[in-house]
N, C-alpha and C. Protein backbone atom coordinates (compact mmCIF):
# COMPACT_ATOMS: atom_id res chain seq x y z
N MET A 1 0.84 -1.17 0.00
CA MET A 1 0.00 0.00 0.00
C MET A 1 0.89 1.23 0.00
N THR A 2 0.59 2.18 -0.88
CA THR A 2 1.37 3.41 -0.93
C THR A 2 0.48 4.58 -0.57
N SER A 3 1.11 5.64 -0.10
CA SER A 3 0.35 6.85 0.17
C SER A 3 0.50 7.75 -1.04
N THR A 4 -0.58 8.35 -1.45
CA THR A 4 -0.56 9.24 -2.60
C THR A 4 -0.41 10.66 -2.12
N ILE A 5 0.46 11.42 -2.79
CA ILE A 5 0.63 12.83 -2.47
C ILE A 5 0.36 13.63 -3.73
N ALA A 6 0.05 14.88 -3.57
CA ALA A 6 -0.22 15.74 -4.72
C ALA A 6 1.09 16.05 -5.45
N ILE A 7 0.99 16.15 -6.77
CA ILE A 7 2.16 16.52 -7.57
C ILE A 7 2.63 17.90 -7.09
N GLY A 8 3.92 18.02 -6.93
CA GLY A 8 4.49 19.28 -6.47
C GLY A 8 4.66 19.35 -4.96
N GLU A 9 3.92 18.53 -4.23
CA GLU A 9 4.04 18.50 -2.78
C GLU A 9 5.30 17.71 -2.42
N PRO A 10 6.17 18.26 -1.56
CA PRO A 10 7.37 17.50 -1.22
C PRO A 10 7.02 16.23 -0.46
N ALA A 11 7.61 15.16 -0.90
CA ALA A 11 7.37 13.87 -0.26
C ALA A 11 8.35 13.70 0.89
N ALA A 12 7.84 13.38 2.05
CA ALA A 12 8.70 13.13 3.20
C ALA A 12 9.46 11.83 2.96
N ARG A 13 10.75 11.89 3.18
CA ARG A 13 11.56 10.69 3.01
C ARG A 13 12.28 10.45 4.33
N ILE A 14 11.70 9.62 5.14
CA ILE A 14 12.30 9.25 6.41
C ILE A 14 13.31 8.15 6.11
N GLU A 15 14.51 8.28 6.67
CA GLU A 15 15.56 7.28 6.41
C GLU A 15 15.25 5.98 7.16
N PRO A 16 15.56 4.85 6.56
CA PRO A 16 15.35 3.56 7.24
C PRO A 16 16.37 3.38 8.37
N THR A 17 15.98 2.60 9.35
CA THR A 17 16.90 2.26 10.44
C THR A 17 17.89 1.21 9.94
N PRO A 18 19.02 1.04 10.63
CA PRO A 18 19.95 -0.03 10.24
C PRO A 18 19.28 -1.41 10.22
N ALA A 19 18.39 -1.67 11.17
CA ALA A 19 17.70 -2.97 11.18
C ALA A 19 16.80 -3.11 9.96
N GLN A 20 16.12 -2.05 9.54
CA GLN A 20 15.28 -2.11 8.36
C GLN A 20 16.12 -2.33 7.10
N VAL A 21 17.28 -1.65 7.03
CA VAL A 21 18.17 -1.81 5.88
C VAL A 21 18.62 -3.27 5.77
N LEU A 22 19.03 -3.86 6.87
CA LEU A 22 19.48 -5.25 6.85
C LEU A 22 18.33 -6.19 6.45
N ALA A 23 17.15 -5.96 6.98
CA ALA A 23 15.99 -6.80 6.63
C ALA A 23 15.67 -6.69 5.14
N MET A 24 15.76 -5.48 4.59
CA MET A 24 15.52 -5.27 3.16
C MET A 24 16.51 -6.10 2.34
N LEU A 25 17.79 -5.98 2.71
CA LEU A 25 18.84 -6.65 1.95
C LEU A 25 18.77 -8.17 2.09
N GLU A 26 18.39 -8.67 3.25
CA GLU A 26 18.24 -10.12 3.41
C GLU A 26 17.13 -10.64 2.50
N ARG A 27 16.06 -9.88 2.37
CA ARG A 27 14.98 -10.31 1.49
C ARG A 27 15.42 -10.27 0.03
N ALA A 28 16.17 -9.23 -0.35
CA ALA A 28 16.69 -9.15 -1.72
C ALA A 28 17.68 -10.28 -2.00
N HIS A 29 18.48 -10.63 -1.00
CA HIS A 29 19.45 -11.71 -1.15
C HIS A 29 18.73 -13.05 -1.36
N ALA A 30 17.65 -13.28 -0.64
CA ALA A 30 16.86 -14.50 -0.84
C ALA A 30 16.29 -14.54 -2.26
N LEU A 31 15.88 -13.41 -2.76
CA LEU A 31 15.37 -13.31 -4.12
C LEU A 31 16.48 -13.60 -5.14
N ALA A 32 17.69 -13.12 -4.87
CA ALA A 32 18.84 -13.40 -5.75
C ALA A 32 19.14 -14.90 -5.78
N ARG A 33 19.06 -15.54 -4.62
CA ARG A 33 19.28 -17.00 -4.58
C ARG A 33 18.23 -17.72 -5.42
N ARG A 34 16.98 -17.28 -5.32
CA ARG A 34 15.91 -17.90 -6.12
C ARG A 34 16.14 -17.67 -7.62
N ALA A 35 16.61 -16.48 -7.98
CA ALA A 35 16.91 -16.20 -9.39
C ALA A 35 18.00 -17.15 -9.89
N MET A 36 19.03 -17.36 -9.08
CA MET A 36 20.12 -18.26 -9.45
C MET A 36 19.60 -19.69 -9.60
N GLU A 37 18.77 -20.12 -8.67
CA GLU A 37 18.22 -21.47 -8.73
C GLU A 37 17.34 -21.67 -9.96
N ALA A 38 16.80 -20.56 -10.48
CA ALA A 38 15.97 -20.62 -11.69
C ALA A 38 16.80 -20.49 -12.96
N GLY A 39 18.12 -20.44 -12.81
CA GLY A 39 19.01 -20.38 -13.97
C GLY A 39 19.41 -19.00 -14.42
N HIS A 40 19.14 -17.99 -13.60
CA HIS A 40 19.49 -16.61 -13.93
C HIS A 40 20.68 -16.15 -13.10
N HIS A 41 21.24 -15.00 -13.48
CA HIS A 41 22.30 -14.41 -12.67
C HIS A 41 21.76 -14.09 -11.28
N PRO A 42 22.58 -14.20 -10.24
CA PRO A 42 22.09 -14.04 -8.86
C PRO A 42 21.96 -12.60 -8.39
N PHE A 43 20.96 -11.91 -8.93
CA PHE A 43 20.68 -10.54 -8.51
C PHE A 43 19.20 -10.48 -8.13
N GLY A 44 18.90 -9.70 -7.09
CA GLY A 44 17.52 -9.52 -6.67
C GLY A 44 17.27 -8.08 -6.31
N ALA A 45 16.08 -7.59 -6.65
CA ALA A 45 15.72 -6.21 -6.35
C ALA A 45 14.30 -6.15 -5.80
N LEU A 46 14.10 -5.21 -4.90
CA LEU A 46 12.79 -4.97 -4.30
C LEU A 46 12.46 -3.49 -4.39
N LEU A 47 11.18 -3.19 -4.43
CA LEU A 47 10.72 -1.81 -4.28
C LEU A 47 9.95 -1.76 -2.98
N LEU A 48 10.44 -0.95 -2.05
CA LEU A 48 9.78 -0.81 -0.76
C LEU A 48 9.09 0.53 -0.66
N ALA A 49 7.92 0.52 -0.01
CA ALA A 49 7.16 1.74 0.22
C ALA A 49 7.89 2.62 1.24
N ALA A 50 7.38 3.80 1.43
CA ALA A 50 7.99 4.78 2.33
C ALA A 50 8.13 4.28 3.76
N ASP A 51 7.34 3.27 4.16
CA ASP A 51 7.44 2.74 5.53
C ASP A 51 8.64 1.80 5.71
N HIS A 52 9.36 1.51 4.62
CA HIS A 52 10.56 0.66 4.62
C HIS A 52 10.27 -0.80 4.95
N GLU A 53 9.02 -1.19 4.94
CA GLU A 53 8.65 -2.57 5.25
C GLU A 53 7.73 -3.18 4.21
N THR A 54 6.85 -2.38 3.64
CA THR A 54 5.89 -2.88 2.67
C THR A 54 6.58 -3.08 1.33
N VAL A 55 6.62 -4.33 0.86
CA VAL A 55 7.22 -4.64 -0.44
C VAL A 55 6.16 -4.43 -1.51
N LEU A 56 6.42 -3.49 -2.41
CA LEU A 56 5.49 -3.20 -3.50
C LEU A 56 5.75 -4.09 -4.71
N MET A 57 7.02 -4.41 -4.93
CA MET A 57 7.39 -5.23 -6.09
C MET A 57 8.67 -5.99 -5.79
N GLU A 58 8.85 -7.12 -6.46
CA GLU A 58 10.08 -7.92 -6.39
C GLU A 58 10.49 -8.27 -7.81
N GLN A 59 11.80 -8.38 -8.03
CA GLN A 59 12.25 -8.77 -9.35
C GLN A 59 13.61 -9.46 -9.25
N GLY A 60 13.69 -10.66 -9.80
CA GLY A 60 14.97 -11.33 -9.94
C GLY A 60 15.59 -10.93 -11.27
N ASN A 61 16.85 -11.25 -11.45
CA ASN A 61 17.52 -10.92 -12.71
C ASN A 61 16.93 -11.75 -13.84
N VAL A 62 16.85 -11.15 -15.02
CA VAL A 62 16.34 -11.84 -16.19
C VAL A 62 17.50 -12.31 -17.06
N ASP A 63 18.34 -11.36 -17.48
CA ASP A 63 19.50 -11.70 -18.31
C ASP A 63 20.49 -10.54 -18.28
N SER A 64 21.49 -10.59 -19.15
CA SER A 64 22.56 -9.59 -19.14
C SER A 64 22.10 -8.18 -19.50
N VAL A 65 20.95 -8.06 -20.14
CA VAL A 65 20.43 -6.74 -20.51
C VAL A 65 19.27 -6.34 -19.62
N ASN A 66 18.49 -7.30 -19.19
CA ASN A 66 17.32 -7.02 -18.35
C ASN A 66 17.66 -7.31 -16.89
N HIS A 67 18.40 -6.37 -16.32
CA HIS A 67 18.81 -6.50 -14.91
C HIS A 67 17.60 -6.35 -14.01
N ALA A 68 17.66 -6.98 -12.86
CA ALA A 68 16.55 -6.94 -11.91
C ALA A 68 16.13 -5.51 -11.59
N GLU A 69 17.11 -4.63 -11.36
CA GLU A 69 16.81 -3.25 -10.95
C GLU A 69 16.13 -2.46 -12.07
N ALA A 70 16.63 -2.61 -13.30
CA ALA A 70 16.06 -1.86 -14.41
C ALA A 70 14.65 -2.35 -14.75
N VAL A 71 14.46 -3.67 -14.75
CA VAL A 71 13.13 -4.23 -15.02
C VAL A 71 12.15 -3.75 -13.95
N LEU A 72 12.57 -3.80 -12.69
CA LEU A 72 11.72 -3.36 -11.59
C LEU A 72 11.38 -1.87 -11.73
N ALA A 73 12.37 -1.03 -12.00
CA ALA A 73 12.13 0.42 -12.11
C ALA A 73 11.18 0.74 -13.27
N ARG A 74 11.36 0.07 -14.40
CA ARG A 74 10.45 0.30 -15.54
C ARG A 74 9.02 -0.12 -15.19
N ASP A 75 8.87 -1.30 -14.56
CA ASP A 75 7.54 -1.76 -14.17
C ASP A 75 6.92 -0.82 -13.12
N ALA A 76 7.73 -0.37 -12.19
CA ALA A 76 7.23 0.56 -11.16
C ALA A 76 6.74 1.86 -11.80
N ALA A 77 7.47 2.36 -12.79
CA ALA A 77 7.08 3.61 -13.46
C ALA A 77 5.76 3.46 -14.21
N ARG A 78 5.46 2.24 -14.65
CA ARG A 78 4.17 1.99 -15.31
C ARG A 78 3.03 1.90 -14.29
N ARG A 79 3.34 1.40 -13.10
CA ARG A 79 2.29 1.16 -12.10
C ARG A 79 2.01 2.35 -11.18
N TYR A 80 3.05 3.13 -10.91
CA TYR A 80 2.94 4.21 -9.92
C TYR A 80 3.33 5.54 -10.53
N SER A 81 2.81 6.60 -9.95
CA SER A 81 3.16 7.95 -10.42
C SER A 81 4.54 8.34 -9.88
N PRO A 82 5.18 9.32 -10.51
CA PRO A 82 6.46 9.80 -9.98
C PRO A 82 6.36 10.24 -8.52
N ALA A 83 5.26 10.89 -8.16
CA ALA A 83 5.09 11.34 -6.77
C ALA A 83 4.99 10.16 -5.80
N GLU A 84 4.35 9.08 -6.22
CA GLU A 84 4.25 7.90 -5.37
C GLU A 84 5.59 7.20 -5.23
N LEU A 85 6.42 7.24 -6.26
CA LEU A 85 7.70 6.54 -6.23
C LEU A 85 8.79 7.31 -5.48
N TRP A 86 8.70 8.61 -5.42
CA TRP A 86 9.77 9.40 -4.82
C TRP A 86 10.12 8.97 -3.39
N PRO A 87 9.18 8.68 -2.49
CA PRO A 87 9.57 8.26 -1.13
C PRO A 87 9.91 6.77 -1.03
N CYS A 88 9.88 6.05 -2.13
CA CYS A 88 10.16 4.61 -2.12
C CYS A 88 11.66 4.32 -2.18
N THR A 89 12.00 3.06 -1.93
CA THR A 89 13.39 2.62 -1.94
C THR A 89 13.54 1.42 -2.87
N LEU A 90 14.52 1.50 -3.77
CA LEU A 90 14.91 0.36 -4.58
C LEU A 90 16.03 -0.33 -3.82
N VAL A 91 15.81 -1.58 -3.48
CA VAL A 91 16.78 -2.37 -2.71
C VAL A 91 17.36 -3.42 -3.65
N THR A 92 18.68 -3.54 -3.65
CA THR A 92 19.32 -4.49 -4.54
C THR A 92 20.56 -5.08 -3.88
N THR A 93 20.86 -6.29 -4.24
CA THR A 93 21.99 -6.98 -3.62
C THR A 93 23.32 -6.38 -4.04
N VAL A 94 23.41 -5.93 -5.29
CA VAL A 94 24.66 -5.36 -5.82
C VAL A 94 24.37 -3.93 -6.28
N GLU A 95 25.32 -3.05 -6.07
CA GLU A 95 25.19 -1.65 -6.48
C GLU A 95 24.65 -1.55 -7.90
N PRO A 96 23.66 -0.69 -8.13
CA PRO A 96 23.11 -0.55 -9.46
C PRO A 96 24.18 -0.09 -10.46
N CYS A 97 24.20 -0.75 -11.62
CA CYS A 97 25.11 -0.33 -12.69
C CYS A 97 24.60 0.99 -13.27
N ALA A 98 25.32 1.52 -14.23
CA ALA A 98 24.93 2.79 -14.85
C ALA A 98 23.53 2.71 -15.48
N MET A 99 23.23 1.59 -16.16
CA MET A 99 21.93 1.42 -16.78
C MET A 99 20.82 1.41 -15.73
N CYS A 100 21.03 0.65 -14.67
CA CYS A 100 20.01 0.52 -13.63
C CYS A 100 19.84 1.81 -12.85
N ALA A 101 20.94 2.48 -12.55
CA ALA A 101 20.85 3.77 -11.85
C ALA A 101 20.11 4.78 -12.71
N GLY A 102 20.40 4.81 -14.00
CA GLY A 102 19.70 5.72 -14.89
C GLY A 102 18.22 5.43 -14.96
N THR A 103 17.87 4.15 -15.01
CA THR A 103 16.45 3.78 -15.06
C THR A 103 15.76 4.16 -13.76
N GLN A 104 16.43 3.96 -12.64
CA GLN A 104 15.87 4.38 -11.35
C GLN A 104 15.67 5.89 -11.33
N TYR A 105 16.63 6.62 -11.81
CA TYR A 105 16.55 8.08 -11.86
C TYR A 105 15.32 8.52 -12.64
N TRP A 106 15.15 7.96 -13.84
CA TRP A 106 14.03 8.37 -14.68
C TRP A 106 12.69 7.89 -14.12
N ALA A 107 12.68 6.80 -13.38
CA ALA A 107 11.44 6.32 -12.76
C ALA A 107 11.05 7.18 -11.55
N ASN A 108 11.99 7.93 -11.01
CA ASN A 108 11.77 8.83 -9.87
C ASN A 108 11.70 8.09 -8.53
N ILE A 109 12.47 7.02 -8.41
CA ILE A 109 12.57 6.30 -7.13
C ILE A 109 13.65 7.01 -6.32
N GLY A 110 13.30 7.54 -5.16
CA GLY A 110 14.15 8.48 -4.44
C GLY A 110 15.27 7.93 -3.59
N ARG A 111 15.39 6.62 -3.48
CA ARG A 111 16.47 6.06 -2.64
C ARG A 111 16.85 4.69 -3.19
N THR A 112 18.12 4.35 -3.02
CA THR A 112 18.56 2.99 -3.29
C THR A 112 19.37 2.48 -2.11
N VAL A 113 19.21 1.21 -1.84
CA VAL A 113 19.99 0.51 -0.81
C VAL A 113 20.62 -0.68 -1.51
N PHE A 114 21.94 -0.84 -1.34
CA PHE A 114 22.61 -1.98 -1.95
C PHE A 114 23.54 -2.66 -0.97
N GLY A 115 23.79 -3.95 -1.24
CA GLY A 115 24.62 -4.76 -0.35
C GLY A 115 26.10 -4.64 -0.63
N ILE A 116 26.52 -4.94 -1.87
CA ILE A 116 27.94 -4.88 -2.21
C ILE A 116 28.16 -3.91 -3.37
N GLU A 117 29.37 -3.38 -3.44
CA GLU A 117 29.72 -2.46 -4.51
C GLU A 117 29.92 -3.20 -5.83
N GLU A 118 29.74 -2.48 -6.91
CA GLU A 118 29.98 -3.01 -8.25
C GLU A 118 31.41 -3.54 -8.37
N ARG A 119 32.36 -2.86 -7.73
CA ARG A 119 33.77 -3.31 -7.76
C ARG A 119 33.94 -4.67 -7.10
N ALA A 120 33.19 -4.93 -6.05
CA ALA A 120 33.26 -6.25 -5.40
C ALA A 120 32.72 -7.33 -6.33
N LEU A 121 31.68 -6.99 -7.08
CA LEU A 121 31.16 -7.93 -8.07
C LEU A 121 32.21 -8.20 -9.14
N LEU A 122 32.86 -7.17 -9.61
CA LEU A 122 33.91 -7.33 -10.62
C LEU A 122 35.01 -8.26 -10.12
N ALA A 123 35.36 -8.16 -8.84
CA ALA A 123 36.39 -9.04 -8.28
C ALA A 123 35.96 -10.50 -8.34
N GLU A 124 34.66 -10.78 -8.28
CA GLU A 124 34.17 -12.16 -8.32
C GLU A 124 33.89 -12.64 -9.74
N SER A 125 33.40 -11.76 -10.60
CA SER A 125 33.02 -12.20 -11.95
C SER A 125 34.13 -12.00 -12.98
N GLY A 126 35.12 -11.19 -12.64
CA GLY A 126 36.21 -10.94 -13.57
C GLY A 126 35.69 -10.35 -14.88
N ASN A 127 36.27 -10.77 -15.98
CA ASN A 127 35.83 -10.25 -17.28
C ASN A 127 34.86 -11.21 -17.97
N HIS A 128 34.02 -11.84 -17.19
CA HIS A 128 33.06 -12.79 -17.73
C HIS A 128 32.18 -12.10 -18.78
N PRO A 129 32.02 -12.70 -19.96
CA PRO A 129 31.25 -12.05 -21.03
C PRO A 129 29.78 -11.82 -20.69
N GLU A 130 29.24 -12.54 -19.72
CA GLU A 130 27.86 -12.33 -19.31
C GLU A 130 27.72 -11.18 -18.32
N ASN A 131 28.85 -10.66 -17.84
CA ASN A 131 28.80 -9.58 -16.85
C ASN A 131 29.99 -8.64 -17.02
N PRO A 132 30.03 -7.89 -18.13
CA PRO A 132 31.12 -6.94 -18.33
C PRO A 132 30.90 -5.69 -17.47
N THR A 133 31.25 -5.81 -16.22
CA THR A 133 30.96 -4.80 -15.20
C THR A 133 31.56 -3.44 -15.55
N LEU A 134 30.77 -2.40 -15.37
CA LEU A 134 31.23 -1.02 -15.51
C LEU A 134 31.72 -0.53 -14.15
N ASP A 135 32.87 0.09 -14.12
CA ASP A 135 33.36 0.67 -12.87
C ASP A 135 32.87 2.11 -12.78
N LEU A 136 31.57 2.25 -12.53
CA LEU A 136 30.94 3.56 -12.45
C LEU A 136 29.93 3.52 -11.30
N PRO A 137 30.35 3.96 -10.11
CA PRO A 137 29.45 3.91 -8.95
C PRO A 137 28.13 4.65 -9.20
N CYS A 138 27.06 4.11 -8.66
CA CYS A 138 25.75 4.73 -8.85
C CYS A 138 25.71 6.15 -8.28
N ARG A 139 26.47 6.40 -7.23
CA ARG A 139 26.51 7.75 -6.68
C ARG A 139 27.00 8.76 -7.73
N HIS A 140 27.92 8.33 -8.59
CA HIS A 140 28.41 9.23 -9.65
C HIS A 140 27.33 9.48 -10.68
N VAL A 141 26.57 8.45 -11.03
CA VAL A 141 25.47 8.62 -11.98
C VAL A 141 24.43 9.58 -11.41
N PHE A 142 24.01 9.34 -10.17
CA PHE A 142 22.99 10.20 -9.56
C PHE A 142 23.48 11.63 -9.38
N ALA A 143 24.76 11.81 -9.08
CA ALA A 143 25.31 13.16 -8.87
C ALA A 143 25.26 14.01 -10.13
N ARG A 144 25.17 13.36 -11.30
CA ARG A 144 25.10 14.10 -12.55
C ARG A 144 23.68 14.55 -12.88
N GLY A 145 22.73 14.11 -12.09
CA GLY A 145 21.33 14.46 -12.33
C GLY A 145 20.88 15.63 -11.47
N GLN A 146 19.60 15.88 -11.52
CA GLN A 146 19.00 17.01 -10.81
C GLN A 146 18.15 16.59 -9.62
N LYS A 147 18.21 15.32 -9.27
CA LYS A 147 17.39 14.80 -8.18
C LYS A 147 18.27 14.36 -7.03
N ASP A 148 17.76 14.50 -5.83
CA ASP A 148 18.47 14.09 -4.62
C ASP A 148 18.16 12.62 -4.32
N ILE A 149 18.71 11.74 -5.15
CA ILE A 149 18.52 10.30 -4.92
C ILE A 149 19.48 9.89 -3.83
N ARG A 150 18.95 9.36 -2.77
CA ARG A 150 19.77 8.96 -1.62
C ARG A 150 20.29 7.54 -1.82
N VAL A 151 21.50 7.31 -1.34
CA VAL A 151 22.14 6.01 -1.52
C VAL A 151 22.65 5.51 -0.18
N ILE A 152 22.31 4.27 0.14
CA ILE A 152 22.82 3.58 1.33
C ILE A 152 23.50 2.31 0.84
N GLY A 153 24.77 2.17 1.12
CA GLY A 153 25.50 0.98 0.71
C GLY A 153 26.94 1.32 0.43
N PRO A 154 27.79 0.35 0.47
CA PRO A 154 27.55 -1.06 0.79
C PRO A 154 27.23 -1.23 2.28
N VAL A 155 26.64 -2.36 2.61
CA VAL A 155 26.24 -2.64 3.98
C VAL A 155 27.07 -3.81 4.48
N ALA A 156 27.98 -3.51 5.39
CA ALA A 156 28.99 -4.47 5.85
C ALA A 156 28.38 -5.79 6.34
N ALA A 157 27.24 -5.74 7.01
CA ALA A 157 26.66 -6.95 7.61
C ALA A 157 26.22 -7.98 6.57
N ILE A 158 26.05 -7.58 5.31
CA ILE A 158 25.56 -8.51 4.30
C ILE A 158 26.56 -8.75 3.17
N VAL A 159 27.70 -8.08 3.23
CA VAL A 159 28.69 -8.20 2.16
C VAL A 159 29.14 -9.65 1.96
N GLU A 160 29.47 -10.35 3.02
CA GLU A 160 30.01 -11.70 2.88
C GLU A 160 29.01 -12.68 2.26
N PRO A 161 27.76 -12.74 2.71
CA PRO A 161 26.84 -13.70 2.06
C PRO A 161 26.58 -13.39 0.58
N ILE A 162 26.47 -12.11 0.23
CA ILE A 162 26.23 -11.76 -1.17
C ILE A 162 27.47 -12.08 -2.00
N THR A 163 28.63 -11.74 -1.48
CA THR A 163 29.89 -12.02 -2.18
C THR A 163 30.06 -13.52 -2.38
N ALA A 164 29.78 -14.30 -1.36
CA ALA A 164 29.92 -15.76 -1.45
C ALA A 164 28.99 -16.34 -2.52
N LEU A 165 27.77 -15.83 -2.61
CA LEU A 165 26.83 -16.30 -3.64
C LEU A 165 27.38 -16.01 -5.03
N HIS A 166 27.88 -14.81 -5.22
CA HIS A 166 28.44 -14.46 -6.53
C HIS A 166 29.71 -15.25 -6.83
N ARG A 167 30.53 -15.45 -5.85
CA ARG A 167 31.76 -16.23 -6.05
C ARG A 167 31.39 -17.63 -6.56
N ARG A 168 30.44 -18.25 -5.88
CA ARG A 168 30.01 -19.59 -6.27
C ARG A 168 29.43 -19.59 -7.68
N TYR A 169 28.59 -18.63 -7.96
CA TYR A 169 27.93 -18.58 -9.27
C TYR A 169 28.93 -18.34 -10.39
N TRP A 170 29.74 -17.30 -10.30
CA TRP A 170 30.61 -16.93 -11.41
C TRP A 170 31.75 -17.92 -11.61
N ARG A 171 32.17 -18.59 -10.57
CA ARG A 171 33.21 -19.61 -10.74
C ARG A 171 32.67 -20.89 -11.37
N SER A 172 31.36 -21.06 -11.31
CA SER A 172 30.75 -22.25 -11.91
C SER A 172 30.42 -22.04 -13.39
N ARG A 173 30.58 -20.85 -13.90
CA ARG A 173 30.19 -20.55 -15.28
C ARG A 173 31.31 -20.76 -16.25
């Protein structure tokens, strides 16, 4: 359930607590495991409402072009208005790449939470042709825009389990 605000009215964005951040990431990590078990790359993304607990949408990775975060942001933009999305949080196991950060920006999702940095993913996947990682932090992408997209991550408490999942996956490919 989302709260609707009038266009132009500033949306209150209360920051999540550390416990909420960890709970978000654990749920996204479980989704990444399910994506891997279904034969996809191990990435998971959630869209959480302003209360930091209500999951509005979930998305596992589809393929090398249809990343979980970008697919989720595009679907969210079709379902919700920009004003409804602004106080929401996109939660993802790995830092959004440039494509995913850009899609989040255009969808008007006002915050992202991620578990591990893109550089940590690169250390596990190397130059694998299915994951030619860009070394471009999402904070740099957002800083070039006109919106105050807030970023929380990496989150130390979840780095090891996410890294271990990617290590196992990319070494098996």
